[in-house]
Protein backbone atom coordinates (compact mmCIF):
# COMPACT_ATOMS: atom_id res chain seq x y z
CA MET A 1 -25.52 51.71 -25.54
CA SER A 2 -21.89 53.38 -25.28
CA THR A 3 -18.65 51.37 -24.94
CA SER A 4 -15.61 52.10 -23.15
CA SER A 5 -12.31 50.63 -24.39
CA TRP A 6 -8.68 50.73 -23.01
CA GLU A 7 -5.39 49.32 -24.10
CA ILE A 8 -2.89 47.78 -21.54
CA ASP A 9 0.66 46.74 -22.54
CA VAL A 10 1.38 42.73 -21.84
CA PRO A 11 5.10 41.97 -20.83
CA MET A 12 6.87 39.80 -23.19
CA VAL A 13 8.70 37.10 -20.92
CA ILE A 14 10.83 34.99 -23.18
CA PRO A 15 14.30 35.94 -24.06
CA CYS A 16 15.33 36.05 -27.69
CA GLY A 17 18.40 37.38 -29.22
CA VAL A 18 20.39 40.33 -27.74
CA ARG A 19 18.08 42.44 -25.28
CA GLN A 20 14.88 41.35 -26.89
CA LEU A 21 12.02 39.45 -25.37
CA ARG A 22 8.93 37.61 -26.99
CA PRO A 23 5.71 36.38 -25.91
CA TRP A 24 5.26 33.06 -24.06
CA THR A 25 3.53 30.91 -26.47
CA ALA A 26 1.87 27.32 -26.17
CA ASN A 27 5.09 26.02 -28.22
CA ASP A 28 7.14 26.81 -25.24
CA ARG A 29 8.26 23.77 -23.24
CA ARG A 30 9.71 24.66 -19.84
CA HIS A 31 9.86 23.40 -16.25
CA TRP A 32 6.83 24.29 -14.52
CA ARG A 33 8.40 26.56 -11.99
CA VAL A 34 9.78 28.74 -14.81
CA LYS A 35 6.16 28.67 -16.40
CA ALA A 36 4.99 29.65 -12.99
CA GLU A 37 7.29 32.72 -13.01
CA TRP A 38 6.13 33.76 -16.30
CA THR A 39 2.50 33.54 -15.12
CA ALA A 40 2.85 35.69 -12.28
CA THR A 41 5.08 38.20 -14.10
CA ILE A 42 2.33 38.65 -16.65
CA ARG A 43 -0.37 38.54 -14.21
CA ARG A 44 1.09 41.13 -11.80
CA ALA A 45 1.96 43.48 -14.47
CA VAL A 46 -1.41 43.39 -16.08
CA ALA A 47 -3.02 43.89 -12.52
CA LEU A 48 -0.74 46.76 -11.67
CA ARG A 49 -1.36 48.72 -15.34
CA ALA A 50 -5.14 48.12 -14.77
CA ARG A 51 -4.95 49.65 -11.37
CA ASN A 52 -2.71 52.47 -12.47
CA LEU A 53 -5.40 53.36 -15.35
CA HIS A 54 -8.37 53.57 -12.36
CA LEU A 55 -10.62 51.40 -14.12
CA THR A 56 -13.84 50.82 -12.22
CA PRO A 57 -15.51 47.46 -12.07
CA GLN A 58 -17.44 46.39 -15.12
CA GLU A 59 -20.44 44.26 -15.52
CA HIS A 60 -18.88 42.40 -18.73
CA ILE A 61 -15.73 43.03 -20.56
CA THR A 62 -14.57 41.77 -24.02
CA VAL A 63 -10.70 41.10 -24.09
CA GLY A 64 -8.37 40.49 -27.13
CA LEU A 65 -4.50 40.08 -27.03
CA HIS A 66 -2.79 41.63 -29.89
CA TYR A 67 0.73 41.14 -31.02
CA ALA A 68 2.92 43.05 -33.16
CA PRO A 69 6.10 40.92 -33.71
CA GLY A 70 8.06 43.65 -35.81
CA ASP A 71 8.52 41.33 -38.97
CA ASN A 72 6.36 39.28 -41.41
CA HIS A 73 7.22 35.82 -40.32
CA ARG A 74 4.45 33.47 -40.26
CA ARG A 75 2.89 32.74 -36.83
CA ASP A 76 -0.13 30.96 -35.37
CA ALA A 77 -2.29 33.32 -33.41
CA SER A 78 -3.83 30.70 -31.07
CA ASN A 79 -0.34 30.07 -29.68
CA LEU A 80 -0.48 33.42 -27.91
CA MET A 81 -3.44 32.25 -25.58
CA THR A 82 -0.82 30.93 -23.15
CA SER A 83 0.07 34.80 -22.77
CA GLN A 84 -3.68 36.01 -22.85
CA LYS A 85 -4.79 33.79 -19.71
CA PRO A 86 -2.53 35.16 -17.12
CA ALA A 87 -3.25 38.54 -18.31
CA VAL A 88 -7.03 38.30 -18.21
CA ASP A 89 -6.40 36.83 -14.51
CA GLY A 90 -4.56 40.23 -13.93
CA LEU A 91 -7.62 42.02 -14.71
CA VAL A 92 -9.75 39.91 -12.24
CA ASP A 93 -6.91 40.65 -9.82
CA ALA A 94 -7.26 44.39 -10.28
CA ARG A 95 -10.93 43.62 -9.74
CA LEU A 96 -12.16 44.83 -13.31
CA VAL A 97 -14.49 41.93 -13.13
CA PRO A 98 -15.16 39.32 -10.33
CA ASP A 99 -14.21 36.48 -12.29
CA ASP A 100 -12.91 35.35 -15.50
CA THR A 101 -16.04 33.13 -16.43
CA ALA A 102 -18.09 33.52 -19.46
CA ARG A 103 -20.53 35.58 -17.22
CA TRP A 104 -18.09 38.40 -17.03
CA VAL A 105 -15.51 38.02 -19.79
CA THR A 106 -15.42 37.42 -23.36
CA GLU A 107 -12.14 36.39 -24.54
CA LEU A 108 -11.20 36.75 -28.31
CA MET A 109 -8.72 34.90 -30.53
CA PRO A 110 -5.38 36.93 -30.19
CA VAL A 111 -4.78 39.10 -33.36
CA LEU A 112 -1.31 39.56 -35.06
CA HIS A 113 -0.11 42.64 -36.53
CA PRO A 114 2.69 41.61 -39.09
CA GLY A 115 4.86 44.45 -40.29
CA LYS A 116 7.95 46.55 -39.70
CA ARG A 117 6.79 48.21 -36.65
CA PRO A 118 7.81 48.34 -33.05
CA ARG A 119 7.42 45.14 -31.20
CA ARG A 120 4.36 45.19 -28.97
CA LEU A 121 2.09 42.79 -26.98
CA TRP A 122 -1.26 44.44 -25.61
CA LEU A 123 -4.80 43.78 -24.46
CA VAL A 124 -7.52 45.61 -25.90
CA ILE A 125 -10.33 45.88 -23.28
CA THR A 126 -14.08 46.82 -24.24
CA ALA A 127 -16.67 47.29 -21.70
CA ALA A 128 -20.42 48.10 -22.72
CA ALA A 129 -22.35 50.39 -20.68
CA GLY A 130 -25.40 48.57 -19.15
CA GLN A 131 -26.04 44.88 -18.44
CA PRO A 132 -24.88 42.13 -20.94
CA ASP A 133 -27.19 41.06 -23.58
CA THR A 134 -27.86 37.82 -21.80
CA PRO A 135 -29.42 37.94 -18.48
CA VAL A 136 -27.52 35.77 -15.97
CA LEU A 137 -28.51 35.11 -12.19
CA PRO A 138 -25.95 36.59 -9.88
CA PRO A 139 -23.60 34.03 -8.31
CA SER A 140 -25.46 34.12 -4.96
CA ALA A 141 -28.75 33.01 -6.82
CA ALA A 142 -26.83 30.21 -8.23
CA VAL A 143 -28.19 26.82 -6.62
CA SER A 144 -26.59 23.42 -6.89
CA ALA A 145 -28.06 20.37 -7.98
CA THR A 146 -28.13 18.84 -4.31
CA GLU A 147 -29.76 22.08 -2.92
CA ARG A 148 -32.54 21.94 -5.54
CA ARG A 149 -33.56 18.31 -4.54
CA SER A 150 -34.04 19.16 -0.82
């Protein structure tokens, strides 16, 4: 089975320092409207970038967020999940997969790349050719508990 892999840059939305931005993390406490703007910015940018790559719909993808902060300071990788969620939603908006549930998407823990290098936040998307390892009924075949009883 062959795999395909793509990288998509994710916008950093929080100002820090002079003309610099950093990723949105779980430690950021802001008004709901500000967070909604950040979510929309990330989601729209990732959807647009995925469309520009002309990616075709996939049966299943594995997605991981990567961050190169440009320094060696200590960071908690799980705090980046706040940026990863709207980025994955952007892939759904681009119709790479129909939904971001486990049937269609496996999300990996974010990965930090410390060191003196250019700052960057990006998604690595991997799709395996063929069907996922675990068979899953299509959404149209799902039956609710009340329908089964009738």
